[in-house]
N, C-alpha and C. Protein backbone atom coordinates (compact mmCIF):
# COMPACT_ATOMS: atom_id res chain seq x y z
N UNK A 1 11.79 9.21 -5.95
CA UNK A 1 12.14 10.08 -4.85
C UNK A 1 11.92 8.89 -3.43
N UNK A 2 13.01 8.74 -2.65
CA UNK A 2 13.11 7.91 -1.62
C UNK A 2 12.93 8.28 -0.47
N UNK A 3 13.06 7.40 0.59
CA UNK A 3 12.28 7.97 2.22
C UNK A 3 12.85 9.32 2.33
N UNK A 4 14.29 9.21 2.68
CA UNK A 4 15.11 10.50 2.93
C UNK A 4 14.48 11.57 2.15
N UNK A 5 14.74 11.47 0.88
CA UNK A 5 13.86 12.67 0.05
C UNK A 5 12.63 13.33 0.28
N UNK A 6 11.92 12.41 0.72
CA UNK A 6 10.79 12.41 1.04
C UNK A 6 10.22 13.15 2.13
N UNK A 7 10.95 13.02 2.98
CA UNK A 7 11.31 13.93 4.65
C UNK A 7 11.51 15.13 4.19
N UNK A 8 12.54 15.09 3.07
CA UNK A 8 13.13 16.51 3.24
C UNK A 8 11.67 17.80 2.61
N UNK A 9 11.33 16.61 1.60
CA UNK A 9 10.29 17.69 1.04
C UNK A 9 9.41 17.84 1.59
N UNK A 10 8.81 17.00 2.48
CA UNK A 10 8.05 17.26 3.70
C UNK A 10 8.45 17.94 4.08
N UNK A 11 9.50 18.80 4.82
CA UNK A 11 9.80 19.43 5.38
C UNK A 11 9.79 20.74 4.60
N UNK A 12 9.82 20.87 3.71
CA UNK A 12 9.95 22.14 2.98
C UNK A 12 8.58 22.67 3.07
N UNK A 13 7.83 21.64 2.89
CA UNK A 13 6.29 21.89 2.43
C UNK A 13 5.70 22.04 3.84
N UNK A 14 5.76 21.79 4.69
CA UNK A 14 5.48 22.11 5.93
C UNK A 14 5.86 22.72 7.39
N UNK A 15 6.61 23.50 6.83
CA UNK A 15 7.69 24.41 7.57
C UNK A 15 7.96 23.76 9.08
N UNK A 16 8.93 22.48 9.27
CA UNK A 16 8.93 21.56 10.74
C UNK A 16 10.63 20.89 10.34
N UNK A 17 10.77 20.39 11.09
CA UNK A 17 12.54 19.92 11.75
C UNK A 17 12.25 18.80 10.84
N UNK A 18 13.35 18.48 10.58
CA UNK A 18 13.37 17.19 9.84
C UNK A 18 12.89 15.65 10.58
N UNK A 19 13.24 15.76 12.01
CA UNK A 19 12.82 14.99 13.10
C UNK A 19 11.51 15.17 13.63
N UNK A 20 10.86 15.69 13.46
CA UNK A 20 9.82 15.78 13.65
C UNK A 20 8.55 15.48 12.14
N UNK A 21 9.08 15.69 10.97
CA UNK A 21 8.62 15.41 9.68
C UNK A 21 8.81 13.55 9.83
N UNK A 22 9.73 13.45 10.24
CA UNK A 22 10.37 11.54 9.87
C UNK A 22 9.16 11.11 11.29
N UNK A 23 9.18 11.88 12.07
CA UNK A 23 8.30 11.30 13.01
C UNK A 23 6.88 10.96 12.72
N UNK A 24 6.03 11.80 12.27
CA UNK A 24 5.03 12.27 11.65
C UNK A 24 4.85 11.53 10.61
N UNK A 25 6.15 11.28 9.26
CA UNK A 25 5.27 10.03 8.60
C UNK A 25 5.60 8.64 9.11
N UNK A 26 6.75 8.57 9.62
CA UNK A 26 6.98 6.96 10.46
C UNK A 26 5.43 6.52 11.09
N UNK A 27 4.97 7.70 12.26
CA UNK A 27 3.68 7.29 12.86
C UNK A 27 2.95 6.83 11.75
N UNK A 28 2.57 7.50 10.52
CA UNK A 28 1.31 7.23 9.69
C UNK A 28 1.25 5.72 9.23
N UNK A 29 2.72 5.67 8.59
CA UNK A 29 3.03 4.34 8.36
C UNK A 29 2.65 3.03 9.00
N UNK A 30 3.23 3.47 10.21
CA UNK A 30 2.97 2.38 11.00
C UNK A 30 1.33 2.29 11.29
N UNK A 31 0.69 3.16 11.52
CA UNK A 31 -0.69 3.03 12.17
C UNK A 31 -1.61 2.68 10.77
N UNK A 32 -1.13 3.00 9.12
CA UNK A 32 -1.88 2.58 8.35
C UNK A 32 -1.44 1.27 8.11
N UNK A 33 -0.16 0.19 8.27
CA UNK A 33 -0.21 -0.43 7.98
C UNK A 33 -0.67 -1.47 9.44
N UNK A 34 -0.56 -1.15 10.34
CA UNK A 34 -1.30 -2.01 11.52
C UNK A 34 -3.05 -1.70 11.64
N UNK A 35 -3.43 -0.83 10.66
CA UNK A 35 -5.32 -0.76 10.48
C UNK A 35 -5.24 -1.29 9.39
N UNK A 36 -4.54 -1.75 8.57
CA UNK A 36 -5.40 -2.92 7.79
C UNK A 36 -4.86 -4.61 7.95
N UNK A 37 -4.23 -4.56 8.57
CA UNK A 37 -4.22 -5.67 9.42
C UNK A 37 -5.25 -6.07 10.70
N UNK A 38 -5.29 -4.84 11.08
CA UNK A 38 -6.34 -5.17 12.15
C UNK A 38 -7.96 -5.15 11.46
N UNK A 39 -7.94 -4.08 10.74
CA UNK A 39 -10.24 -3.95 10.14
C UNK A 39 -9.68 -4.52 8.78
N UNK A 40 -8.49 -5.00 8.25
CA UNK A 40 -8.84 -5.82 6.55
C UNK A 40 -9.01 -4.76 5.67
N UNK A 41 -9.31 -3.41 6.18
CA UNK A 41 -9.41 -2.92 4.96
C UNK A 41 -9.13 -1.06 5.21
N UNK A 42 -8.24 -0.38 4.46
CA UNK A 42 -8.51 0.83 4.90
C UNK A 42 -8.34 1.91 3.88
N UNK A 43 -9.53 2.93 3.54
CA UNK A 43 -9.89 3.26 2.77
C UNK A 43 -9.53 5.08 3.06
N UNK A 44 -8.95 5.90 2.38
CA UNK A 44 -8.92 7.04 2.41
C UNK A 44 -8.71 7.85 1.54
N UNK A 45 -9.99 8.41 1.79
CA UNK A 45 -10.75 9.28 0.39
C UNK A 45 -10.16 10.06 -0.45
N UNK A 46 -10.20 9.99 -1.62
CA UNK A 46 -9.77 10.41 -2.47
C UNK A 46 -7.89 9.91 -3.03
N UNK A 47 -7.61 8.33 -2.32
CA UNK A 47 -5.81 8.77 -1.79
C UNK A 47 -5.65 7.45 -2.18
N UNK A 48 -5.86 6.20 -1.48
CA UNK A 48 -5.54 5.30 -1.53
C UNK A 48 -6.25 4.29 -0.54
N UNK A 49 -6.49 2.46 -1.08
CA UNK A 49 -7.34 2.09 -0.34
C UNK A 49 -6.02 1.02 0.08
N UNK A 50 -5.91 0.27 0.95
CA UNK A 50 -5.72 -0.65 1.22
C UNK A 50 -6.34 -1.86 1.93
N UNK A 51 -6.18 -3.27 1.52
CA UNK A 51 -6.88 -4.45 1.95
C UNK A 51 -6.41 -5.80 1.79
N UNK A 52 -6.89 -6.42 3.10
CA UNK A 52 -6.67 -7.68 3.14
C UNK A 52 -7.23 -8.93 2.70
N UNK A 53 -6.56 -9.23 1.71
CA UNK A 53 -7.95 -10.38 1.42
C UNK A 53 -7.04 -12.05 1.64
N UNK A 54 -8.21 -13.01 1.17
CA UNK A 54 -7.85 -14.37 1.15
C UNK A 54 -7.81 -15.20 -0.43
N UNK A 55 -6.58 -15.41 -0.79
CA UNK A 55 -6.91 -16.36 -1.97
C UNK A 55 -7.43 -17.87 -1.59
N UNK A 56 -8.03 -18.66 -2.25
CA UNK A 56 -8.56 -19.83 -2.37
C UNK A 56 -7.67 -20.78 -2.45
N UNK A 57 -7.67 -21.87 -1.89
CA UNK A 57 -6.62 -23.09 -2.21
C UNK A 57 -6.81 -23.31 -3.80
N UNK A 58 -6.33 -23.86 -4.71
CA UNK A 58 -6.46 -24.37 -5.81
C UNK A 58 -5.38 -25.42 -6.40
N UNK A 59 -5.97 -26.17 -7.23
CA UNK A 59 -5.49 -27.52 -8.03
C UNK A 59 -5.13 -27.03 -9.68
N UNK A 60 -3.70 -27.19 -9.89
CA UNK A 60 -3.36 -26.62 -11.12
C UNK A 60 -2.16 -28.00 -11.55
N UNK A 61 -2.34 -28.05 -12.84
CA UNK A 61 -1.34 -28.99 -13.54
C UNK A 61 -0.65 -28.33 -14.68
N UNK A 62 0.97 -29.20 -14.43
CA UNK A 62 1.91 -28.80 -14.33
C UNK A 62 2.30 -29.52 -16.02
N UNK A 63 2.16 -28.88 -17.22
CA UNK A 63 1.97 -29.56 -18.68
C UNK A 63 3.87 -30.37 -18.63
N UNK A 64 4.40 -29.61 -17.88
CA UNK A 64 5.94 -29.77 -18.54
C UNK A 64 6.06 -31.36 -17.74
N UNK A 65 5.65 -31.15 -16.45
CA UNK A 65 5.47 -32.70 -15.30
C UNK A 65 4.69 -33.72 -15.80
N UNK A 66 3.28 -33.46 -16.13
CA UNK A 66 2.13 -34.10 -16.28
C UNK A 66 1.63 -34.51 -14.87
N UNK A 67 2.01 -33.22 -13.70
CA UNK A 67 1.93 -33.52 -12.77
C UNK A 67 0.42 -32.72 -12.13
N UNK A 68 -0.53 -32.92 -11.23
CA UNK A 68 -0.97 -31.76 -10.54
C UNK A 68 -0.63 -31.67 -9.28
N UNK A 69 -0.59 -30.33 -8.90
CA UNK A 69 -0.56 -29.68 -7.70
C UNK A 69 -1.35 -29.02 -6.93
N UNK A 70 -1.45 -28.79 -5.70
CA UNK A 70 -2.35 -27.82 -4.73
C UNK A 70 -1.49 -26.76 -4.51
N UNK A 71 -2.14 -25.65 -4.65
CA UNK A 71 -1.55 -24.22 -4.47
C UNK A 71 -2.44 -23.65 -3.47
N UNK A 72 -1.62 -23.68 -1.92
CA UNK A 72 -2.64 -23.34 -0.75
C UNK A 72 -3.06 -22.02 -0.50
N UNK A 73 -3.87 -21.78 0.34
CA UNK A 73 -4.62 -20.51 0.48
C UNK A 73 -3.34 -19.66 0.82
N UNK A 74 -3.59 -18.49 0.51
CA UNK A 74 -3.14 -17.50 0.92
C UNK A 74 -3.72 -15.64 1.40
N UNK A 75 -2.86 -15.49 2.55
CA UNK A 75 -3.64 -14.00 2.77
C UNK A 75 -2.57 -12.81 1.83
N UNK A 76 -3.29 -11.97 1.24
CA UNK A 76 -2.42 -11.36 0.36
C UNK A 76 -3.11 -9.72 0.77
N UNK A 77 -2.19 -8.62 0.54
CA UNK A 77 -2.52 -7.07 0.74
C UNK A 77 -2.56 -6.89 -0.91
N UNK A 78 -3.39 -5.87 -0.84
CA UNK A 78 -3.92 -5.32 -1.91
C UNK A 78 -3.78 -3.51 -1.71
N UNK A 79 -2.67 -2.58 -2.35
CA UNK A 79 -3.18 -1.36 -2.19
C UNK A 79 -3.25 -0.93 -3.45
N UNK A 80 -4.16 0.32 -3.50
CA UNK A 80 -4.80 0.55 -4.84
C UNK A 80 -4.83 1.87 -4.90
N UNK A 81 -4.58 2.84 -5.79
CA UNK A 81 -4.54 4.69 -5.83
C UNK A 81 -5.56 4.32 -6.06
N UNK A 82 -6.92 5.62 -5.35
CA UNK A 82 -8.19 5.78 -5.85
C UNK A 82 -8.04 7.03 -7.03
N UNK A 83 -9.27 6.54 -7.68
CA UNK A 83 -9.06 7.80 -9.28
C UNK A 83 -9.15 8.82 -8.94
N UNK A 84 -9.10 9.65 -7.93
CA UNK A 84 -9.17 11.04 -7.75
C UNK A 84 -7.64 11.43 -7.72
N UNK A 85 -7.12 10.09 -7.12
CA UNK A 85 -5.33 10.36 -7.04
C UNK A 85 -4.79 10.06 -8.27
N UNK A 86 -5.07 8.79 -9.07
CA UNK A 86 -4.53 8.69 -10.12
C UNK A 86 -4.70 9.54 -11.52
N UNK A 87 -6.42 10.10 -11.37
CA UNK A 87 -6.48 11.34 -11.99
C UNK A 87 -5.26 12.85 -12.08
N UNK A 88 -5.07 12.67 -10.86
CA UNK A 88 -4.20 13.78 -10.71
C UNK A 88 -2.96 13.90 -11.31
N UNK A 89 -2.34 12.37 -11.02
CA UNK A 89 -1.30 12.04 -11.21
C UNK A 89 -1.01 12.37 -12.46
N UNK A 90 -2.08 11.54 -13.74
CA UNK A 90 -2.40 11.72 -14.63
C UNK A 90 -1.76 12.73 -15.32
N UNK A 91 -3.08 13.79 -15.05
CA UNK A 91 -3.22 15.27 -15.52
C UNK A 91 -1.99 16.44 -15.08
N UNK A 92 -0.98 15.61 -14.04
CA UNK A 92 0.28 17.05 -13.82
C UNK A 92 -0.50 17.59 -13.02
N UNK A 93 -1.48 17.81 -12.44
CA UNK A 93 -2.22 18.51 -11.08
C UNK A 93 -1.61 18.67 -10.20
N UNK A 94 -1.04 19.56 -9.48
CA UNK A 94 -0.77 20.03 -7.99
C UNK A 94 -1.17 20.28 -6.90
């Protein structure tokens, strides 16, 4: 399901206009992204957890060139489905 299909589905499930549905969805997405950036972690109970984490720099050996290189530290984001949500998907629950 793509974004437009999701808007149509959301509209049908909640009995609202497509414009209002798209506005609500976009506000949630925007707020979720900004909250993860600002707070470092957002944990929505029984649904999803988004968090920002920092990797450490490391030195690795390249066997092909016989050289060592340094991989710099990076800031990454991880988004995981919570177990209750994942189990619901696996069991086919609605």
